[in-house]
Amino acid sequence: MSIQQRLSSSLRRRNMTAYALAKETGLSQSILSYLLNGHKPIDKIEVGTAKRIATSLGVTLDYLCGMHDEKV
């Protein structure tokens, strides 16, 4: 599963919109859109930002980055 698929799946599982995630994490909607569309890989953002995304989605950073298949 790609990182984009993990992000999208996690958003759906949490019934969260991309706008809500952007607001909760302090990320701009354009950066989040780049992540969701695969134009910006997750490894190109700061670790703290990736951690905020993972925490907001209720998944581990390892899961979000594709290192493990377990969500939590």
PDB file of N, CA and C in Angstrom:
ATOM      1  N   MET A   1       0.854  -1.174   0.000  1.00  0.00           N
ATOM      2  CA  MET A   1       0.000   0.000   0.000  1.00  0.00           C
ATOM      3  C   MET A   1       0.905   1.243   0.000  1.00  0.00           C
ATOM      4  N   SER A   2       0.589   2.195  -0.859  1.00  0.00           N
ATOM      5  CA  SER A   2       1.395   3.412  -0.937  1.00  0.00           C
ATOM      6  C   SER A   2       1.075   4.356   0.226  1.00  0.00           C
ATOM      7  N   ILE A   3       1.930   5.305   0.422  1.00  0.00           N
ATOM      8  CA  ILE A   3       1.714   6.283   1.488  1.00  0.00           C
ATOM      9  C   ILE A   3       0.446   7.087   1.221  1.00  0.00           C
ATOM     10  N   GLN A   4       0.205   7.409  -0.038  1.00  0.00           N
ATOM     11  CA  GLN A   4      -1.011   8.133  -0.390  1.00  0.00           C
ATOM     12  C   GLN A   4      -2.249   7.301  -0.031  1.00  0.00           C
ATOM     13  N   GLN A   5      -2.184   6.000  -0.302  1.00  0.00           N
ATOM     14  CA  GLN A   5      -3.304   5.125   0.049  1.00  0.00           C
ATOM     15  C   GLN A   5      -3.468   5.028   1.557  1.00  0.00           C
ATOM     16  N   ARG A   6      -2.349   4.988   2.280  1.00  0.00           N
ATOM     17  CA  ARG A   6      -2.420   4.939   3.745  1.00  0.00           C
ATOM     18  C   ARG A   6      -3.046   6.210   4.301  1.00  0.00           C
ATOM     19  N   LEU A   7      -2.678   7.355   3.746  1.00  0.00           N
ATOM     20  CA  LEU A   7      -3.269   8.623   4.186  1.00  0.00           C
ATOM     21  C   LEU A   7      -4.771   8.638   3.907  1.00  0.00           C
ATOM     22  N   SER A   8      -5.137   8.311   2.681  1.00  0.00           N
ATOM     23  CA  SER A   8      -6.553   8.327   2.295  1.00  0.00           C
ATOM     24  C   SER A   8      -7.372   7.349   3.122  1.00  0.00           C
ATOM     25  N   SER A   9      -6.846   6.146   3.299  1.00  0.00           N
ATOM     26  CA  SER A   9      -7.535   5.130   4.079  1.00  0.00           C
ATOM     27  C   SER A   9      -7.716   5.577   5.531  1.00  0.00           C
ATOM     28  N   SER A  10      -6.670   6.159   6.085  1.00  0.00           N
ATOM     29  CA  SER A  10      -6.737   6.620   7.476  1.00  0.00           C
ATOM     30  C   SER A  10      -7.727   7.764   7.626  1.00  0.00           C
ATOM     31  N   LEU A  11      -7.791   8.650   6.648  1.00  0.00           N
ATOM     32  CA  LEU A  11      -8.777   9.734   6.686  1.00  0.00           C
ATOM     33  C   LEU A  11     -10.195   9.173   6.665  1.00  0.00           C
ATOM     34  N   ARG A  12     -10.447   8.218   5.773  1.00  0.00           N
ATOM     35  CA  ARG A  12     -11.779   7.610   5.686  1.00  0.00           C
ATOM     36  C   ARG A  12     -12.137   6.885   6.980  1.00  0.00           C
ATOM     37  N   ARG A  13     -11.171   6.136   7.519  1.00  0.00           N
ATOM     38  CA  ARG A  13     -11.423   5.374   8.747  1.00  0.00           C
ATOM     39  C   ARG A  13     -11.789   6.298   9.904  1.00  0.00           C
ATOM     40  N   ARG A  14     -11.194   7.476   9.933  1.00  0.00           N
ATOM     41  CA  ARG A  14     -11.477   8.441  11.006  1.00  0.00           C
ATOM     42  C   ARG A  14     -12.644   9.368  10.675  1.00  0.00           C
ATOM     43  N   ASN A  15     -13.234   9.186   9.470  1.00  0.00           N
ATOM     44  CA  ASN A  15     -14.296  10.092   9.007  1.00  0.00           C
ATOM     45  C   ASN A  15     -13.834  11.542   9.073  1.00  0.00           C
ATOM     46  N   MET A  16     -12.626  11.767   8.608  1.00  0.00           N
ATOM     47  CA  MET A  16     -12.006  13.083   8.680  1.00  0.00           C
ATOM     48  C   MET A  16     -11.768  13.606   7.267  1.00  0.00           C
ATOM     49  N   THR A  17     -12.010  14.882   7.069  1.00  0.00           N
ATOM     50  CA  THR A  17     -11.717  15.492   5.772  1.00  0.00           C
ATOM     51  C   THR A  17     -10.263  15.952   5.738  1.00  0.00           C
ATOM     52  N   ALA A  18      -9.767  16.143   4.537  1.00  0.00           N
ATOM     53  CA  ALA A  18      -8.409  16.662   4.385  1.00  0.00           C
ATOM     54  C   ALA A  18      -8.311  18.054   5.004  1.00  0.00           C
ATOM     55  N   TYR A  19      -9.381  18.831   4.875  1.00  0.00           N
ATOM     56  CA  TYR A  19      -9.399  20.169   5.472  1.00  0.00           C
ATOM     57  C   TYR A  19      -9.253  20.084   6.991  1.00  0.00           C
ATOM     58  N   ALA A  20      -9.989  19.164   7.612  1.00  0.00           N
ATOM     59  CA  ALA A  20      -9.915  19.004   9.070  1.00  0.00           C
ATOM     60  C   ALA A  20      -8.515  18.565   9.496  1.00  0.00           C
ATOM     61  N   LEU A  21      -7.919  17.659   8.732  1.00  0.00           N
ATOM     62  CA  LEU A  21      -6.560  17.206   9.053  1.00  0.00           C
ATOM     63  C   LEU A  21      -5.569  18.358   8.920  1.00  0.00           C
ATOM     64  N   ALA A  22      -5.706  19.145   7.868  1.00  0.00           N
ATOM     65  CA  ALA A  22      -4.820  20.294   7.670  1.00  0.00           C
ATOM     66  C   ALA A  22      -4.944  21.262   8.837  1.00  0.00           C
ATOM     67  N   LYS A  23      -6.164  21.536   9.243  1.00  0.00           N
ATOM     68  CA  LYS A  23      -6.399  22.462  10.348  1.00  0.00           C
ATOM     69  C   LYS A  23      -5.836  21.915  11.665  1.00  0.00           C
ATOM     70  N   GLU A  24      -6.062  20.633  11.920  1.00  0.00           N
ATOM     71  CA  GLU A  24      -5.602  20.013  13.172  1.00  0.00           C
ATOM     72  C   GLU A  24      -4.080  19.937  13.264  1.00  0.00           C
ATOM     73  N   THR A  25      -3.428  19.728  12.128  1.00  0.00           N
ATOM     74  CA  THR A  25      -1.974  19.558  12.134  1.00  0.00           C
ATOM     75  C   THR A  25      -1.216  20.850  11.875  1.00  0.00           C
ATOM     76  N   GLY A  26      -1.926  21.899  11.453  1.00  0.00           N
ATOM     77  CA  GLY A  26      -1.264  23.151  11.128  1.00  0.00           C
ATOM     78  C   GLY A  26      -0.607  23.123   9.755  1.00  0.00           C
ATOM     79  N   LEU A  27      -0.924  22.119   8.976  1.00  0.00           N
ATOM     80  CA  LEU A  27      -0.371  21.970   7.629  1.00  0.00           C
ATOM     81  C   LEU A  27      -1.228  22.771   6.652  1.00  0.00           C
ATOM     82  N   SER A  28      -0.600  23.322   5.641  1.00  0.00           N
ATOM     83  CA  SER A  28      -1.390  24.017   4.634  1.00  0.00           C
ATOM     84  C   SER A  28      -2.150  22.984   3.806  1.00  0.00           C
ATOM     85  N   GLN A  29      -3.287  23.386   3.289  1.00  0.00           N
ATOM     86  CA  GLN A  29      -4.086  22.475   2.481  1.00  0.00           C
ATOM     87  C   GLN A  29      -3.336  22.076   1.215  1.00  0.00           C
ATOM     88  N   SER A  30      -2.512  22.971   0.684  1.00  0.00           N
ATOM     89  CA  SER A  30      -1.783  22.634  -0.541  1.00  0.00           C
ATOM     90  C   SER A  30      -0.746  21.548  -0.284  1.00  0.00           C
ATOM     91  N   ILE A  31      -0.027  21.611   0.842  1.00  0.00           N
ATOM     92  CA  ILE A  31       0.956  20.571   1.165  1.00  0.00           C
ATOM     93  C   ILE A  31       0.247  19.239   1.390  1.00  0.00           C
ATOM     94  N   LEU A  32      -0.857  19.268   2.103  1.00  0.00           N
ATOM     95  CA  LEU A  32      -1.611  18.039   2.338  1.00  0.00           C
ATOM     96  C   LEU A  32      -2.126  17.467   1.018  1.00  0.00           C
ATOM     97  N   SER A  33      -2.569  18.325   0.133  1.00  0.00           N
ATOM     98  CA  SER A  33      -3.021  17.878  -1.184  1.00  0.00           C
ATOM     99  C   SER A  33      -1.880  17.224  -1.958  1.00  0.00           C
ATOM    100  N   TYR A  34      -0.694  17.818  -1.892  1.00  0.00           N
ATOM    101  CA  TYR A  34       0.479  17.220  -2.545  1.00  0.00           C
ATOM    102  C   TYR A  34       0.756  15.824  -1.984  1.00  0.00           C
ATOM    103  N   LEU A  35       0.642  15.665  -0.668  1.00  0.00           N
ATOM    104  CA  LEU A  35       0.865  14.362  -0.047  1.00  0.00           C
ATOM    105  C   LEU A  35      -0.189  13.347  -0.497  1.00  0.00           C
ATOM    106  N   LEU A  36      -1.443  13.764  -0.477  1.00  0.00           N
ATOM    107  CA  LEU A  36      -2.536  12.861  -0.834  1.00  0.00           C
ATOM    108  C   LEU A  36      -2.519  12.469  -2.307  1.00  0.00           C
ATOM    109  N   ASN A  37      -1.971  13.333  -3.139  1.00  0.00           N
ATOM    110  CA  ASN A  37      -1.932  13.054  -4.577  1.00  0.00           C
ATOM    111  C   ASN A  37      -0.602  12.475  -5.025  1.00  0.00           C
ATOM    112  N   GLY A  38       0.325  12.282  -4.097  1.00  0.00           N
ATOM    113  CA  GLY A  38       1.598  11.660  -4.426  1.00  0.00           C
ATOM    114  C   GLY A  38       2.619  12.586  -5.060  1.00  0.00           C
ATOM    115  N   HIS A  39       2.363  13.886  -5.040  1.00  0.00           N
ATOM    116  CA  HIS A  39       3.299  14.842  -5.633  1.00  0.00           C
ATOM    117  C   HIS A  39       4.424  15.220  -4.678  1.00  0.00           C
ATOM    118  N   LYS A  40       4.218  14.969  -3.399  1.00  0.00           N
ATOM    119  CA  LYS A  40       5.242  15.256  -2.393  1.00  0.00           C
ATOM    120  C   LYS A  40       5.336  14.041  -1.481  1.00  0.00           C
ATOM    121  N   PRO A  41       6.462  13.334  -1.507  1.00  0.00           N
ATOM    122  CA  PRO A  41       6.597  12.158  -0.646  1.00  0.00           C
ATOM    123  C   PRO A  41       6.673  12.560   0.824  1.00  0.00           C
ATOM    124  N   ILE A  42       6.177  11.685   1.679  1.00  0.00           N
ATOM    125  CA  ILE A  42       6.163  11.957   3.120  1.00  0.00           C
ATOM    126  C   ILE A  42       7.570  12.150   3.666  1.00  0.00           C
ATOM    127  N   ASP A  43       8.572  11.540   3.026  1.00  0.00           N
ATOM    128  CA  ASP A  43       9.934  11.696   3.527  1.00  0.00           C
ATOM    129  C   ASP A  43      10.524  13.061   3.193  1.00  0.00           C
ATOM    130  N   LYS A  44       9.773  13.916   2.512  1.00  0.00           N
ATOM    131  CA  LYS A  44      10.233  15.263   2.193  1.00  0.00           C
ATOM    132  C   LYS A  44       9.644  16.315   3.128  1.00  0.00           C
ATOM    133  N   ILE A  45       8.895  15.864   4.138  1.00  0.00           N
ATOM    134  CA  ILE A  45       8.386  16.808   5.127  1.00  0.00           C
ATOM    135  C   ILE A  45       9.109  16.580   6.443  1.00  0.00           C
ATOM    136  N   GLU A  46       9.017  17.549   7.324  1.00  0.00           N
ATOM    137  CA  GLU A  46       9.703  17.449   8.610  1.00  0.00           C
ATOM    138  C   GLU A  46       9.110  16.322   9.451  1.00  0.00           C
ATOM    139  N   VAL A  47       9.954  15.719  10.255  1.00  0.00           N
ATOM    140  CA  VAL A  47       9.528  14.590  11.100  1.00  0.00           C
ATOM    141  C   VAL A  47       8.406  15.028  12.038  1.00  0.00           C
ATOM    142  N   GLY A  48       8.518  16.199  12.612  1.00  0.00           N
ATOM    143  CA  GLY A  48       7.478  16.690  13.521  1.00  0.00           C
ATOM    144  C   GLY A  48       6.133  16.810  12.836  1.00  0.00           C
ATOM    145  N   THR A  49       6.139  17.231  11.593  1.00  0.00           N
ATOM    146  CA  THR A  49       4.907  17.347  10.817  1.00  0.00           C
ATOM    147  C   THR A  49       4.323  15.968  10.547  1.00  0.00           C
ATOM    148  N   ALA A  50       5.166  15.033  10.146  1.00  0.00           N
ATOM    149  CA  ALA A  50       4.704  13.664   9.900  1.00  0.00           C
ATOM    150  C   ALA A  50       4.132  13.052  11.176  1.00  0.00           C
ATOM    151  N   LYS A  51       4.760  13.335  12.316  1.00  0.00           N
ATOM    152  CA  LYS A  51       4.263  12.821  13.598  1.00  0.00           C
ATOM    153  C   LYS A  51       2.897  13.403  13.917  1.00  0.00           C
ATOM    154  N   ARG A  52       2.695  14.702  13.638  1.00  0.00           N
ATOM    155  CA  ARG A  52       1.389  15.329  13.894  1.00  0.00           C
ATOM    156  C   ARG A  52       0.310  14.697  13.019  1.00  0.00           C
ATOM    157  N   ILE A  53       0.656  14.406  11.768  1.00  0.00           N
ATOM    158  CA  ILE A  53      -0.298  13.767  10.869  1.00  0.00           C
ATOM    159  C   ILE A  53      -0.660  12.384  11.400  1.00  0.00           C
ATOM    160  N   ALA A  54       0.355  11.598  11.743  1.00  0.00           N
ATOM    161  CA  ALA A  54       0.113  10.246  12.259  1.00  0.00           C
ATOM    162  C   ALA A  54      -0.732  10.274  13.527  1.00  0.00           C
ATOM    163  N   THR A  55      -0.415  11.167  14.439  1.00  0.00           N
ATOM    164  CA  THR A  55      -1.164  11.279  15.692  1.00  0.00           C
ATOM    165  C   THR A  55      -2.614  11.663  15.420  1.00  0.00           C
ATOM    166  N   SER A  56      -2.825  12.629  14.539  1.00  0.00           N
ATOM    167  CA  SER A  56      -4.181  13.064  14.210  1.00  0.00           C
ATOM    168  C   SER A  56      -5.001  11.951  13.567  1.00  0.00           C
ATOM    169  N   LEU A  57      -4.330  11.088  12.813  1.00  0.00           N
ATOM    170  CA  LEU A  57      -5.022   9.994  12.138  1.00  0.00           C
ATOM    171  C   LEU A  57      -5.114   8.740  13.002  1.00  0.00           C
ATOM    172  N   GLY A  58      -4.469   8.749  14.155  1.00  0.00           N
ATOM    173  CA  GLY A  58      -4.530   7.597  15.054  1.00  0.00           C
ATOM    174  C   GLY A  58      -3.730   6.413  14.551  1.00  0.00           C
ATOM    175  N   VAL A  59      -2.639   6.690  13.826  1.00  0.00           N
ATOM    176  CA  VAL A  59      -1.765   5.630  13.323  1.00  0.00           C
ATOM    177  C   VAL A  59      -0.341   5.909  13.784  1.00  0.00           C
ATOM    178  N   THR A  60       0.521   4.926  13.642  1.00  0.00           N
ATOM    179  CA  THR A  60       1.918   5.145  13.995  1.00  0.00           C
ATOM    180  C   THR A  60       2.646   5.795  12.821  1.00  0.00           C
ATOM    181  N   LEU A  61       3.736   6.432  13.118  1.00  0.00           N
ATOM    182  CA  LEU A  61       4.568   7.027  12.074  1.00  0.00           C
ATOM    183  C   LEU A  61       5.135   5.938  11.173  1.00  0.00           C
ATOM    184  N   ASP A  62       5.482   4.792  11.752  1.00  0.00           N
ATOM    185  CA  ASP A  62       5.981   3.668  10.957  1.00  0.00           C
ATOM    186  C   ASP A  62       4.941   3.206   9.943  1.00  0.00           C
ATOM    187  N   TYR A  63       3.687   3.144  10.370  1.00  0.00           N
ATOM    188  CA  TYR A  63       2.615   2.742   9.451  1.00  0.00           C
ATOM    189  C   TYR A  63       2.480   3.770   8.337  1.00  0.00           C
ATOM    190  N   LEU A  64       2.449   5.038   8.711  1.00  0.00           N
ATOM    191  CA  LEU A  64       2.260   6.110   7.731  1.00  0.00           C
ATOM    192  C   LEU A  64       3.391   6.108   6.696  1.00  0.00           C
ATOM    193  N   CYS A  65       4.584   5.836   7.133  1.00  0.00           N
ATOM    194  CA  CYS A  65       5.743   5.833   6.228  1.00  0.00           C
ATOM    195  C   CYS A  65       5.916   4.526   5.466  1.00  0.00           C
ATOM    196  N   GLY A  66       5.085   3.543   5.762  1.00  0.00           N
ATOM    197  CA  GLY A  66       5.128   2.283   5.032  1.00  0.00           C
ATOM    198  C   GLY A  66       6.097   1.266   5.591  1.00  0.00           C
ATOM    199  N   MET A  67       6.564   1.471   6.817  1.00  0.00           N
ATOM    200  CA  MET A  67       7.520   0.545   7.410  1.00  0.00           C
ATOM    201  C   MET A  67       6.832  -0.658   8.041  1.00  0.00           C
ATOM    202  N   HIS A  68       5.558  -0.495   8.458  1.00  0.00           N
ATOM    203  CA  HIS A  68       4.777  -1.580   9.073  1.00  0.00           C
ATOM    204  C   HIS A  68       3.354  -1.514   8.552  1.00  0.00           C
ATOM    205  N   ASP A  69       2.700  -2.647   8.567  1.00  0.00           N
ATOM    206  CA  ASP A  69       1.312  -2.694   8.111  1.00  0.00           C
ATOM    207  C   ASP A  69       0.323  -2.452   9.239  1.00  0.00           C
ATOM    208  N   GLU A  70       0.771  -2.479  10.476  1.00  0.00           N
ATOM    209  CA  GLU A  70      -0.121  -2.250  11.607  1.00  0.00           C
ATOM    210  C   GLU A  70      -0.378  -0.761  11.756  1.00  0.00           C
ATOM    211  N   LYS A  71      -1.642  -0.410  11.965  1.00  0.00           N
ATOM    212  CA  LYS A  71      -2.019   0.997  12.094  1.00  0.00           C
ATOM    213  C   LYS A  71      -1.593   1.588  13.435  1.00  0.00           C
ATOM    214  N   VAL A  72      -1.738   0.787  14.497  1.00  0.00           N
ATOM    215  CA  VAL A  72      -1.426   1.292  15.841  1.00  0.00           C
ATOM    216  C   VAL A  72      -0.503   0.319  16.525  1.00  0.00           C
TER     217      VAL A  72
END
